[in-house]
Amino acid sequence: MNITHHITEGTLHVKVSHELDVTNRAAAALQIEALVHTHRPRRVTVVLPTRDPSPMTFSALARVQRMCQSLGVPLTATGPDGETQLSLFGNSTRATRPERLEHGARHDH
């Protein structure tokens, strides 16, 4: 099993036990998605095996993040210590809109 989980106070805690690879990333993402749909948590926390996830682990996490975002469920990812929140996707809620340019001209010349 690639992941374990438990629920406390409306939060689904998912632990990815080891880095994912091409043979198990889709299964892990589907398993987390099924847990979210089954338990309907208020938030999801994913504990990763390293602070710098492999591309396959990141791919599965990105898929879960998109699904959580579409459901309005906040998702956070932490390193193996479970304490330090990782900023893997940036902060999309505070993203600023690009400045509109007049006639496509650049302002820095």
Protein backbone atom coordinates (compact mmCIF):
# COMPACT_ATOMS: atom_id res chain seq x y z
CA MET A 1 0.00 0.00 0.00
CA ASN A 2 1.42 3.40 -1.01
CA ILE A 3 -0.69 5.55 1.28
CA THR A 4 -2.24 5.43 4.72
CA HIS A 5 -4.89 7.73 6.08
CA HIS A 6 -6.86 8.79 9.12
CA ILE A 7 -9.46 11.45 9.83
CA THR A 8 -9.42 13.82 12.79
CA GLU A 9 -11.75 16.74 13.37
CA GLY A 10 -12.92 16.91 9.76
CA THR A 11 -9.41 16.73 8.27
CA LEU A 12 -8.35 13.86 6.06
CA HIS A 13 -4.68 13.11 6.77
CA VAL A 14 -2.99 11.11 4.03
CA LYS A 15 0.58 9.83 4.30
CA VAL A 16 2.46 8.83 1.15
CA SER A 17 4.79 6.13 2.46
CA HIS A 18 7.43 6.33 -0.29
CA GLU A 19 8.10 8.17 -3.52
CA LEU A 20 5.69 7.21 -6.27
CA ASP A 21 6.75 5.98 -9.68
CA VAL A 22 5.07 5.55 -13.03
CA THR A 23 3.55 2.21 -11.99
CA ASN A 24 1.72 3.50 -8.91
CA ARG A 25 1.14 7.25 -9.18
CA ALA A 26 -2.30 7.00 -10.83
CA ALA A 27 -3.44 4.39 -8.30
CA ALA A 28 -2.32 6.57 -5.40
CA ALA A 29 -4.08 9.64 -6.82
CA LEU A 30 -7.28 7.65 -7.39
CA GLN A 31 -7.12 6.25 -3.89
CA ILE A 32 -6.82 9.74 -2.36
CA GLU A 33 -9.62 11.03 -4.60
CA ALA A 34 -11.85 8.15 -3.48
CA LEU A 35 -11.10 8.96 0.17
CA VAL A 36 -12.07 12.60 -0.38
CA HIS A 37 -15.32 11.66 -2.11
CA THR A 38 -16.15 9.05 0.53
CA HIS A 39 -15.38 11.06 3.68
CA ARG A 40 -16.15 14.61 2.44
CA PRO A 41 -13.52 16.24 4.69
CA ARG A 42 -13.33 19.97 5.39
CA ARG A 43 -9.62 19.89 4.47
CA VAL A 44 -6.95 17.46 3.28
CA THR A 45 -3.36 17.22 4.47
CA VAL A 46 -0.87 15.09 2.54
CA VAL A 47 2.38 14.08 4.24
CA LEU A 48 5.04 13.43 1.62
CA PRO A 49 8.03 11.09 2.08
CA THR A 50 10.50 13.90 1.28
CA ARG A 51 10.52 17.70 1.23
CA ASP A 52 11.39 17.55 -2.48
CA PRO A 53 8.95 15.11 -4.13
CA SER A 54 9.83 13.15 -7.24
CA PRO A 55 8.13 14.15 -10.50
CA MET A 56 5.77 11.17 -10.22
CA THR A 57 4.81 12.00 -6.62
CA PHE A 58 4.32 15.63 -7.59
CA SER A 59 2.16 14.56 -10.55
CA ALA A 60 -0.17 12.56 -8.29
CA LEU A 61 -0.31 15.41 -5.78
CA ALA A 62 -1.12 17.91 -8.54
CA ARG A 63 -4.01 15.72 -9.68
CA VAL A 64 -5.37 15.53 -6.14
CA GLN A 65 -4.89 19.28 -5.71
CA ARG A 66 -6.95 20.02 -8.83
CA MET A 67 -9.74 17.73 -7.62
CA CYS A 68 -9.74 19.28 -4.13
CA GLN A 69 -9.75 22.77 -5.64
CA SER A 70 -12.77 21.90 -7.79
CA LEU A 71 -14.61 20.70 -4.66
CA GLY A 72 -13.58 23.71 -2.59
CA VAL A 73 -11.59 21.55 -0.17
CA PRO A 74 -8.30 23.12 0.96
CA LEU A 75 -5.25 20.88 0.48
CA THR A 76 -1.90 21.27 2.19
CA ALA A 77 1.23 19.22 1.72
CA THR A 78 3.88 18.72 4.37
CA GLY A 79 7.29 17.14 4.52
CA PRO A 80 7.96 13.89 6.33
CA ASP A 81 7.93 15.64 9.72
CA GLY A 82 4.24 16.43 9.16
CA GLU A 83 4.78 19.91 10.56
CA THR A 84 6.37 22.05 7.86
CA GLN A 85 3.90 23.03 5.16
CA LEU A 86 5.39 22.84 1.67
CA SER A 87 4.60 25.51 -0.89
CA LEU A 88 4.50 23.27 -3.96
CA PHE A 89 1.79 25.04 -5.92
CA GLY A 90 2.33 28.62 -4.82
CA ASN A 91 -0.56 30.49 -3.27
CA SER A 92 -3.21 30.57 -5.97
CA THR A 93 -5.74 32.32 -3.74
CA ARG A 94 -3.52 35.39 -3.49
CA ALA A 95 -2.35 35.47 -7.08
CA THR A 96 -2.57 38.90 -8.60
CA ARG A 97 -3.90 39.50 -12.06
CA PRO A 98 -1.44 40.57 -14.73
CA GLU A 99 -1.35 44.27 -15.37
CA ARG A 100 -3.21 45.24 -18.52
CA LEU A 101 -1.00 46.94 -21.10
CA GLU A 102 -2.18 49.61 -23.47
CA HIS A 103 -2.03 48.52 -27.10
CA GLY A 104 0.30 45.64 -26.20
CA ALA A 105 3.13 48.08 -25.51
CA ARG A 106 5.71 47.37 -22.86
CA HIS A 107 6.04 49.92 -20.08
CA ASP A 108 9.73 49.39 -19.41
CA HIS A 109 11.31 51.07 -22.41
